[in-house]
Protein backbone atom coordinates (compact mmCIF):
# COMPACT_ATOMS: atom_id res chain seq x y z
CA UNK A 1 -24.38 51.89 -49.51
CA UNK A 2 -26.47 50.90 -46.21
CA UNK A 3 -27.61 47.85 -47.35
CA UNK A 4 -23.28 47.06 -48.25
CA UNK A 5 -22.63 47.83 -45.05
CA UNK A 6 -25.00 45.93 -43.18
CA UNK A 7 -23.57 42.46 -45.53
CA UNK A 8 -19.99 43.40 -44.40
CA UNK A 9 -21.26 43.67 -40.55
CA UNK A 10 -23.18 40.42 -41.07
CA UNK A 11 -20.24 38.64 -42.71
CA UNK A 12 -17.82 40.06 -39.82
CA UNK A 13 -20.02 39.02 -37.70
CA UNK A 14 -19.73 35.81 -38.63
CA UNK A 15 -15.93 35.37 -38.86
CA UNK A 16 -15.99 36.87 -34.56
CA UNK A 17 -18.28 33.82 -34.04
CA UNK A 18 -16.36 31.20 -35.63
CA UNK A 19 -12.85 32.38 -33.95
CA UNK A 20 -14.97 32.52 -30.56
CA UNK A 21 -15.87 29.21 -30.78
CA UNK A 22 -12.12 28.11 -31.96
CA UNK A 23 -11.04 29.83 -29.18
CA UNK A 24 -13.73 28.43 -26.65
CA UNK A 25 -12.96 24.54 -27.87
CA UNK A 26 -9.34 24.97 -26.93
CA UNK A 27 -9.48 26.46 -24.00
CA UNK A 28 -11.93 23.41 -23.26
CA UNK A 29 -9.68 21.04 -24.67
CA UNK A 30 -7.01 22.79 -22.12
CA UNK A 31 -8.58 22.27 -19.53
CA UNK A 32 -9.90 18.47 -19.92
CA UNK A 33 -6.14 17.82 -20.17
CA UNK A 34 -5.49 19.33 -16.91
CA UNK A 35 -7.96 17.65 -15.24
CA UNK A 36 -6.70 14.40 -16.81
CA UNK A 37 -3.07 14.95 -16.12
CA UNK A 38 -4.69 16.34 -11.96
CA UNK A 39 -6.46 12.89 -12.04
CA UNK A 40 -3.65 11.13 -12.92
CA UNK A 41 -1.47 12.91 -10.00
CA UNK A 42 -3.80 11.29 -7.92
CA UNK A 43 -4.17 8.11 -9.03
CA UNK A 44 0.13 7.58 -9.07
CA UNK A 45 0.66 9.34 -5.67
CA UNK A 46 -2.20 6.55 -4.17
CA UNK A 47 -0.28 4.20 -6.33
CA UNK A 48 3.24 4.59 -5.40
CA UNK A 49 1.83 5.27 -1.41
CA UNK A 50 2.95 9.10 -1.68
CA UNK A 51 0.54 9.74 1.47
CA UNK A 52 2.17 13.68 1.84
CA UNK A 53 1.95 14.04 -1.96
CA UNK A 54 -1.52 13.03 -1.54
CA UNK A 55 -2.67 15.02 0.93
CA UNK A 56 -0.72 18.22 -0.63
CA UNK A 57 -2.50 17.26 -3.75
CA UNK A 58 -5.76 17.04 -2.33
CA UNK A 59 -5.46 20.12 -0.58
CA UNK A 60 -4.40 22.46 -3.47
CA UNK A 61 -6.71 21.20 -5.88
CA UNK A 62 -9.92 21.89 -2.61
CA UNK A 63 -8.15 25.56 -2.82
CA UNK A 64 -7.89 25.84 -6.67
CA UNK A 65 -11.28 23.94 -7.28
CA UNK A 66 -12.97 24.39 -4.25
CA UNK A 67 -13.89 20.95 -1.83
CA UNK A 68 -16.04 18.93 -4.22
CA UNK A 69 -14.24 18.97 -7.10
CA UNK A 70 -11.64 17.51 -4.78
CA UNK A 71 -13.48 14.94 -3.43
CA UNK A 72 -14.78 14.08 -6.98
CA UNK A 73 -10.65 13.13 -7.61
CA UNK A 74 -10.30 11.28 -4.75
CA UNK A 75 -13.80 8.97 -6.29
CA UNK A 76 -12.52 9.05 -9.78
CA UNK A 77 -9.01 7.65 -8.94
CA UNK A 78 -10.25 4.26 -7.76
CA UNK A 79 -11.72 3.16 -11.20
CA UNK A 80 -7.90 4.20 -12.71
CA UNK A 81 -4.63 2.62 -14.64
CA UNK A 82 -1.28 3.38 -13.12
CA UNK A 83 2.40 2.12 -14.91
CA UNK A 84 3.17 -0.47 -13.14
CA UNK A 85 6.41 0.00 -10.89
CA UNK A 86 9.65 -1.36 -11.35
CA UNK A 87 9.01 -1.14 -15.88
CA UNK A 88 7.73 2.40 -16.05
CA UNK A 89 7.69 1.92 -20.15
CA UNK A 90 5.65 -1.76 -19.37
CA UNK A 91 1.67 -2.25 -19.13
CA UNK A 92 -0.20 -0.52 -17.12
CA UNK A 93 -2.46 -1.87 -14.01
CA UNK A 94 -6.03 -0.94 -12.30
CA UNK A 95 -5.16 0.76 -9.44
CA UNK A 96 -5.58 -2.05 -6.57
CA UNK A 97 -8.93 -1.79 -4.26
CA UNK A 98 -7.51 -2.23 -0.94
CA UNK A 99 -4.50 -0.20 -1.49
CA UNK A 100 -6.65 2.78 -2.61
CA UNK A 101 -8.66 2.45 0.33
CA UNK A 102 -6.17 1.92 2.54
CA UNK A 103 -4.98 5.69 1.19
CA UNK A 104 -7.97 7.05 1.35
CA UNK A 105 -8.49 6.09 4.84
CA UNK A 106 -4.38 7.50 6.01
CA UNK A 107 -5.72 10.61 4.01
CA UNK A 108 -8.60 11.24 6.55
CA UNK A 109 -6.13 10.35 9.27
CA UNK A 110 -8.70 6.75 10.10
CA UNK A 111 -5.43 4.17 9.26
CA UNK A 112 -6.18 1.09 10.52
CA UNK A 113 -10.34 1.75 10.63
CA UNK A 114 -10.63 0.30 6.90
CA UNK A 115 -12.37 -3.11 8.21
CA UNK A 116 -15.27 -1.67 8.64
CA UNK A 117 -17.98 -2.86 6.14
CA UNK A 118 -19.03 0.07 3.99
CA UNK A 119 -17.81 0.60 0.48
CA UNK A 120 -15.06 3.25 -0.22
CA UNK A 121 -17.26 5.02 -2.65
CA UNK A 122 -20.49 5.07 -0.09
CA UNK A 123 -18.15 6.40 2.64
CA UNK A 124 -16.64 9.11 0.19
CA UNK A 125 -19.88 9.63 -1.38
CA UNK A 126 -21.23 10.61 2.80
CA UNK A 127 -19.00 13.61 2.15
CA UNK A 128 -20.51 15.23 -0.85
CA UNK A 129 -22.22 17.64 1.32
CA UNK A 130 -19.21 18.97 3.48
CA UNK A 131 -18.29 22.39 3.35
CA UNK A 132 -14.45 21.72 3.13
CA UNK A 133 -11.73 18.85 3.64
CA UNK A 134 -11.44 20.02 7.69
CA UNK A 135 -14.91 18.92 8.09
CA UNK A 136 -14.88 16.06 6.01
CA UNK A 137 -11.97 14.71 7.66
CA UNK A 138 -13.94 14.97 11.33
CA UNK A 139 -17.31 13.79 9.43
CA UNK A 140 -15.38 10.51 7.81
CA UNK A 141 -13.73 10.11 11.21
CA UNK A 142 -17.04 10.02 13.17
CA UNK A 143 -18.66 7.56 10.97
CA UNK A 144 -15.74 5.06 10.55
CA UNK A 145 -15.22 5.50 14.80
CA UNK A 146 -18.81 4.32 15.26
CA UNK A 147 -18.57 1.36 12.33
CA UNK A 148 -15.60 0.10 14.00
CA UNK A 149 -16.78 -0.20 17.27
CA UNK A 150 -19.97 -1.84 16.36
CA UNK A 151 -18.09 -4.51 14.75
CA UNK A 152 -15.92 -4.83 17.46
CA UNK A 153 -18.42 -4.91 20.59
CA UNK A 154 -19.50 -7.79 18.16
CA UNK A 155 -16.49 -9.59 18.37
CA UNK A 156 -14.85 -9.19 15.38
CA UNK A 157 -11.68 -7.30 15.38
CA UNK A 158 -10.10 -8.70 11.54
CA UNK A 159 -7.20 -6.69 10.94
CA UNK A 160 -8.43 -3.66 13.16
CA UNK A 161 -5.41 -1.79 14.33
CA UNK A 162 -6.05 -2.00 18.05
CA UNK A 163 -3.54 1.29 19.00
CA UNK A 164 -5.51 3.29 16.84
CA UNK A 165 -8.84 2.34 17.37
CA UNK A 166 -8.34 2.97 21.25
CA UNK A 167 -6.47 6.37 20.52
CA UNK A 168 -9.10 7.59 17.82
CA UNK A 169 -12.74 6.30 19.41
CA UNK A 170 -12.78 5.63 23.12
CA UNK A 171 -9.98 4.52 25.18
CA UNK A 172 -12.85 2.46 27.02
CA UNK A 173 -12.14 0.17 23.70
CA UNK A 174 -8.99 -1.10 25.43
CA UNK A 175 -11.14 -3.47 27.77
CA UNK A 176 -13.04 -4.14 25.01
CA UNK A 177 -9.91 -5.45 23.37
CA UNK A 178 -9.14 -7.66 25.98
CA UNK A 179 -12.11 -9.25 26.75
CA UNK A 180 -12.04 -10.13 22.70
CA UNK A 181 -8.66 -11.73 23.01
CA UNK A 182 -9.80 -13.68 25.59
CA UNK A 183 -12.67 -14.69 23.72
CA UNK A 184 -10.04 -15.49 20.95
CA UNK A 185 -7.94 -17.41 22.71
CA UNK A 186 -10.52 -19.62 24.11
CA UNK A 187 -11.62 -20.14 20.22
CA UNK A 188 -8.31 -21.28 19.23
CA UNK A 189 -8.27 -24.93 19.22
CA UNK A 190 -6.27 -27.00 16.90
CA UNK A 191 -7.43 -30.17 16.57
CA UNK A 192 -5.50 -33.57 15.77
CA UNK A 193 -6.66 -35.43 12.43
CA UNK A 194 -4.65 -38.50 11.85
CA UNK A 195 -1.24 -37.17 10.54
CA UNK A 196 -2.09 -33.14 10.48
CA UNK A 197 -3.47 -30.78 12.62
CA UNK A 198 -6.53 -28.53 11.75
CA UNK A 199 -5.59 -25.19 12.56
CA UNK A 200 -9.19 -23.31 11.12
CA UNK A 201 -9.75 -22.28 14.03
CA UNK A 202 -6.62 -19.99 14.72
CA UNK A 203 -6.88 -18.79 11.12
CA UNK A 204 -10.62 -17.39 12.46
CA UNK A 205 -8.62 -15.21 15.02
CA UNK A 206 -7.17 -11.68 14.25
CA UNK A 207 -4.36 -12.83 17.12
CA UNK A 208 -3.70 -16.24 15.07
CA UNK A 209 -4.28 -14.63 11.58
CA UNK A 210 -1.16 -12.26 12.34
CA UNK A 211 0.95 -15.11 14.40
CA UNK A 212 0.16 -17.39 11.40
CA UNK A 213 0.86 -15.29 9.06
CA UNK A 214 4.39 -13.96 10.38
CA UNK A 215 5.66 -17.43 10.60
CA UNK A 216 4.65 -18.20 7.34
CA UNK A 217 2.03 -20.86 8.07
CA UNK A 218 0.08 -21.83 4.57
CA UNK A 219 -3.45 -23.14 4.74
CA UNK A 220 -5.51 -24.63 7.29
CA UNK A 221 -3.94 -28.13 7.69
CA UNK A 222 -0.54 -28.02 9.39
CA UNK A 223 1.61 -31.84 9.24
CA UNK A 224 1.77 -33.14 12.61
CA UNK A 225 5.55 -32.99 11.86
CA UNK A 226 5.61 -29.29 11.88
CA UNK A 227 3.71 -29.04 15.18
CA UNK A 228 6.30 -27.14 16.74
CA UNK A 229 5.03 -24.00 15.01
CA UNK A 230 2.32 -23.96 17.62
CA UNK A 231 4.29 -24.13 20.12
CA UNK A 232 5.92 -20.67 18.49
CA UNK A 233 2.55 -19.55 18.78
CA UNK A 234 1.74 -20.50 22.03
CA UNK A 235 4.72 -18.56 23.62
CA UNK A 236 3.87 -15.88 21.61
CA UNK A 237 0.38 -15.81 22.89
CA UNK A 238 0.67 -16.68 26.29
CA UNK A 239 -1.97 -19.33 25.11
CA UNK A 240 -1.92 -23.21 27.44
CA UNK A 241 -1.45 -26.49 25.26
CA UNK A 242 -4.87 -27.12 24.60
CA UNK A 243 -5.38 -29.21 21.25
CA UNK A 244 -8.31 -31.95 20.74
CA UNK A 245 -8.00 -35.04 19.25
CA UNK A 246 -11.14 -34.93 16.52
CA UNK A 247 -11.86 -39.14 17.01
CA UNK A 248 -13.07 -37.24 20.53
CA UNK A 249 -14.05 -34.50 19.92
CA UNK A 250 -18.16 -33.78 19.95
CA UNK A 251 -17.86 -29.93 19.57
CA UNK A 252 -19.01 -28.37 16.51
CA UNK A 253 -16.44 -25.51 16.15
CA UNK A 254 -17.57 -22.47 14.20
CA UNK A 255 -15.72 -20.11 12.09
CA UNK A 256 -15.81 -16.51 12.03
CA UNK A 257 -14.61 -14.77 8.77
CA UNK A 258 -14.57 -10.72 8.32
CA UNK A 259 -17.83 -8.80 7.74
CA UNK A 260 -16.07 -6.98 4.95
CA UNK A 261 -16.22 -8.88 1.79
CA UNK A 262 -13.02 -7.44 0.65
CA UNK A 263 -11.34 -8.18 4.00
CA UNK A 264 -12.85 -11.78 4.07
CA UNK A 265 -11.35 -11.89 0.56
CA UNK A 266 -7.72 -10.46 1.82
CA UNK A 267 -8.21 -13.52 4.55
CA UNK A 268 -8.46 -16.30 2.24
CA UNK A 269 -5.44 -15.21 0.24
CA UNK A 270 -3.12 -15.01 3.39
CA UNK A 271 -4.05 -18.33 3.86
CA UNK A 272 -3.35 -19.85 0.70
CA UNK A 273 -0.59 -17.72 0.32
CA UNK A 274 -2.16 -16.91 -3.44
CA UNK A 275 0.54 -14.07 -4.83
CA UNK A 276 -1.67 -13.24 -7.57
CA UNK A 277 -4.85 -12.24 -5.20
CA UNK A 278 -2.61 -10.68 -2.74
CA UNK A 279 -1.02 -8.36 -5.77
CA UNK A 280 -4.61 -7.87 -7.16
CA UNK A 281 -5.59 -6.27 -3.42
CA UNK A 282 -2.76 -4.27 -2.85
CA UNK A 283 -3.83 -4.53 0.98
CA UNK A 284 -0.41 -3.05 3.59
CA UNK A 285 -1.66 -7.28 5.69
CA UNK A 286 -0.08 -8.63 2.84
CA UNK A 287 3.43 -8.47 3.55
CA UNK A 288 4.40 -10.79 6.01
CA UNK A 289 2.91 -13.57 3.47
CA UNK A 290 5.05 -12.32 0.72
CA UNK A 291 8.17 -11.81 3.28
CA UNK A 292 7.67 -15.92 3.78
CA UNK A 293 7.47 -16.29 0.20
CA UNK A 294 10.49 -14.53 -0.51
CA UNK A 295 12.25 -16.21 1.99
CA UNK A 296 11.23 -19.58 -0.03
CA UNK A 297 11.95 -18.21 -3.41
CA UNK A 298 15.39 -17.33 -2.24
CA UNK A 299 16.47 -20.50 -0.43
CA UNK A 300 15.06 -22.59 -3.64
CA UNK A 301 16.92 -20.33 -5.69
CA UNK A 302 20.59 -20.64 -3.67
CA UNK A 303 19.63 -24.26 -3.92
CA UNK A 304 18.59 -25.14 -7.06
CA UNK A 305 20.49 -21.79 -9.20
CA UNK A 306 17.22 -22.71 -11.99
CA UNK A 307 15.97 -20.40 -13.89
CA UNK A 308 12.94 -21.11 -12.90
CA UNK A 309 13.88 -20.46 -8.85
CA UNK A 310 15.06 -17.30 -10.14
CA UNK A 311 11.96 -15.34 -11.89
CA UNK A 312 9.62 -16.85 -9.00
CA UNK A 313 11.99 -14.83 -6.70
CA UNK A 314 12.10 -11.39 -9.22
CA UNK A 315 8.36 -11.83 -8.97
CA UNK A 316 7.84 -11.83 -5.41
CA UNK A 317 10.34 -8.58 -5.35
CA UNK A 318 8.56 -7.17 -7.76
CA UNK A 319 5.06 -8.19 -5.69
CA UNK A 320 6.77 -5.88 -2.67
CA UNK A 321 6.90 -3.02 -5.02
CA UNK A 322 3.21 -3.52 -6.25
CA UNK A 323 2.13 -3.62 -2.66
CA UNK A 324 4.62 -0.76 -2.14
CA UNK A 325 4.34 -0.81 1.93
CA UNK A 326 7.07 0.96 4.42
CA UNK A 327 7.57 -2.87 5.79
CA UNK A 328 9.16 -3.81 2.54
CA UNK A 329 12.11 -2.13 2.24
CA UNK A 330 13.53 -3.56 5.52
CA UNK A 331 13.47 -7.25 3.48
CA UNK A 332 14.45 -5.53 0.01
CA UNK A 333 17.49 -3.77 2.22
CA UNK A 334 18.51 -6.83 3.35
CA UNK A 335 18.45 -8.63 -0.30
CA UNK A 336 19.91 -5.53 -1.29
CA UNK A 337 23.04 -6.06 0.62
CA UNK A 338 23.45 -9.50 -0.09
CA UNK A 339 26.66 -11.20 -2.15
CA UNK A 340 24.79 -12.56 -4.70
CA UNK A 341 24.64 -9.87 -7.90
CA UNK A 342 21.42 -11.40 -9.31
CA UNK A 343 19.42 -11.16 -6.08
CA UNK A 344 21.37 -7.81 -4.97
CA UNK A 345 20.63 -5.86 -8.38
CA UNK A 346 16.34 -6.78 -8.34
CA UNK A 347 16.50 -5.45 -4.84
CA UNK A 348 17.88 -2.22 -5.43
CA UNK A 349 16.01 -1.60 -8.35
CA UNK A 350 12.84 -2.26 -6.15
CA UNK A 351 14.13 0.23 -3.76
CA UNK A 352 13.69 3.05 -6.37
CA UNK A 353 9.65 2.88 -6.50
CA UNK A 354 9.60 3.43 -2.22
CA UNK A 355 9.60 7.01 -2.43
CA UNK A 356 10.58 7.17 1.55
CA UNK A 357 13.67 8.02 3.35
CA UNK A 358 14.24 4.78 4.36
CA UNK A 359 14.93 3.28 1.07
CA UNK A 360 17.28 6.14 0.64
CA UNK A 361 19.19 5.60 3.86
CA UNK A 362 19.98 1.98 2.37
CA UNK A 363 20.76 2.94 -0.87
CA UNK A 364 23.09 5.63 0.61
CA UNK A 365 24.56 3.59 1.92
CA UNK A 366 25.01 0.76 -0.69
CA UNK A 367 26.54 3.43 -3.12
CA UNK A 368 29.16 4.23 -0.14
CA UNK A 369 30.22 0.62 0.66
CA UNK A 370 29.98 -1.22 -2.93
CA UNK A 371 32.76 -1.97 -5.17
CA UNK A 372 30.96 -3.67 -7.91
CA UNK A 373 30.41 -1.50 -10.66
CA UNK A 374 26.84 -2.82 -11.70
CA UNK A 375 25.80 -2.67 -8.17
CA UNK A 376 26.94 0.66 -7.82
CA UNK A 377 25.19 2.19 -11.16
CA UNK A 378 21.80 0.39 -10.34
CA UNK A 379 22.22 2.58 -7.02
CA UNK A 380 22.55 5.81 -8.01
CA UNK A 381 19.73 5.37 -10.65
CA UNK A 382 17.67 4.02 -7.91
CA UNK A 383 18.25 7.35 -6.13
CA UNK A 384 17.68 9.49 -9.35
CA UNK A 385 13.98 8.18 -9.86
CA UNK A 386 13.18 8.46 -5.69
CA UNK A 387 14.74 12.56 -6.19
CA UNK A 388 12.34 13.01 -8.91
CA UNK A 389 9.30 12.62 -6.45
CA UNK A 390 10.59 13.27 -2.95
CA UNK A 391 12.04 16.22 -1.74
CA UNK A 392 12.96 14.46 1.38
CA UNK A 393 15.51 12.23 -0.36
CA UNK A 394 17.50 15.44 -1.34
CA UNK A 395 18.16 16.53 1.66
CA UNK A 396 19.14 12.96 2.74
CA UNK A 397 21.84 13.17 -0.05
CA UNK A 398 22.89 16.54 0.07
CA UNK A 399 23.81 15.81 4.22
CA UNK A 400 25.40 12.43 3.02
CA UNK A 401 27.67 14.35 0.63
CA UNK A 402 28.54 16.83 3.80
CA UNK A 403 28.98 13.53 6.07
CA UNK A 404 31.68 12.02 6.86
CA UNK A 405 30.51 8.66 4.99
CA UNK A 406 33.45 6.99 2.78
CA UNK A 407 32.86 7.28 -1.01
CA UNK A 408 30.29 10.01 -0.39
CA UNK A 409 31.40 11.88 -3.68
CA UNK A 410 29.87 8.83 -5.85
CA UNK A 411 26.65 10.65 -4.95
CA UNK A 412 27.41 13.63 -6.76
CA UNK A 413 26.16 12.11 -9.97
CA UNK A 414 22.72 12.13 -7.95
CA UNK A 415 22.96 15.91 -6.69
CA UNK A 416 24.20 17.50 -10.18
CA UNK A 417 21.00 15.84 -11.95
CA UNK A 418 18.55 16.95 -8.69
CA UNK A 419 16.27 19.85 -9.15
CA UNK A 420 17.67 22.93 -8.42
CA UNK A 421 14.43 24.19 -5.94
CA UNK A 422 14.48 21.57 -3.58
CA UNK A 423 11.26 22.47 -2.34
CA UNK A 424 9.24 22.31 -5.69
CA UNK A 425 6.82 19.94 -5.47
CA UNK A 426 5.05 17.40 -8.48
CA UNK A 427 1.75 19.19 -8.86
């Protein structure tokens, strides 16, 4: 009898162990799935430049799992893919390295310091010993400030935000930037080479780079027939005319490059107007170049109305969405209010990928003003997509319905589909 009881006890214990193992395995799979979902939310917030959501996600993860877990998610996001914008069911892309870097620096209140010559992951790994995001932010800021001062003091200002460096580091940097500007102005010496002008010296300075990019200039050689561009730059920068004839010059010019290899590649891509490279890098600094390319493609399409020129136009619109800077909303909004529906529609679809109040404002105006059914439907669909991830958009639509805007009732379709809880978030 005793033996039978013992046998039964052994069998029963084995069954309990099997059941416990199954429960543990199930719980582990559930935790892994939850962790993957959380990580993807980090990736999507970065890819879509939703800075506020990234901050809230990081804070929520720190609160639930601790700062090491939050930091680990930030580091892992760099190697993750996300769904390409505009085509949600389409292919996926790897998170662009400079977009990732810009969002990480923004998270730690260091926007404008990204060109410091240290890898993003190395900067994050340096925060592993910190107790919280608060102390990590202080450490991050102190380190990049020191690095920025070192680079700028050595006469390198490529892609740095002057106002942010001055306000976050030392007010004395103001005089350093003024000195550096004077050095750069003296370094900018266009050289006449037959029927072209060599403008490499302008590209080798930050003030020259910005001016050339804003004007849509491509390459390091400018046709002599387009010399008026240099006159515009001289007026913009307050320069004196200082051109040199190559045949009479005895100087050997040395051209500077960003010390950070990723920003050196970015500079080369801007100079060459290499759209593919700019898309793959994902930096906000590409916006001027994309604007110039888009203007050219619009002019080309309006002249030829060819399918090839139209594809180039649409691809460039999509490039704006890949980069996803707030500055792109202005040019997309301008396109969205043109008369040609073939240009308007892709611009509206592109705006659906910008989770910002400026995009919502443009779309609300279009909804209330358009008389074209296709454009109305595209605008409403764009708003429906934005409100899924932007509580601010919900408030704006609610306010528009209570305003005196003409045809505001068209917004009711979006309002009725909005989440019932206006304060709900997405993590």
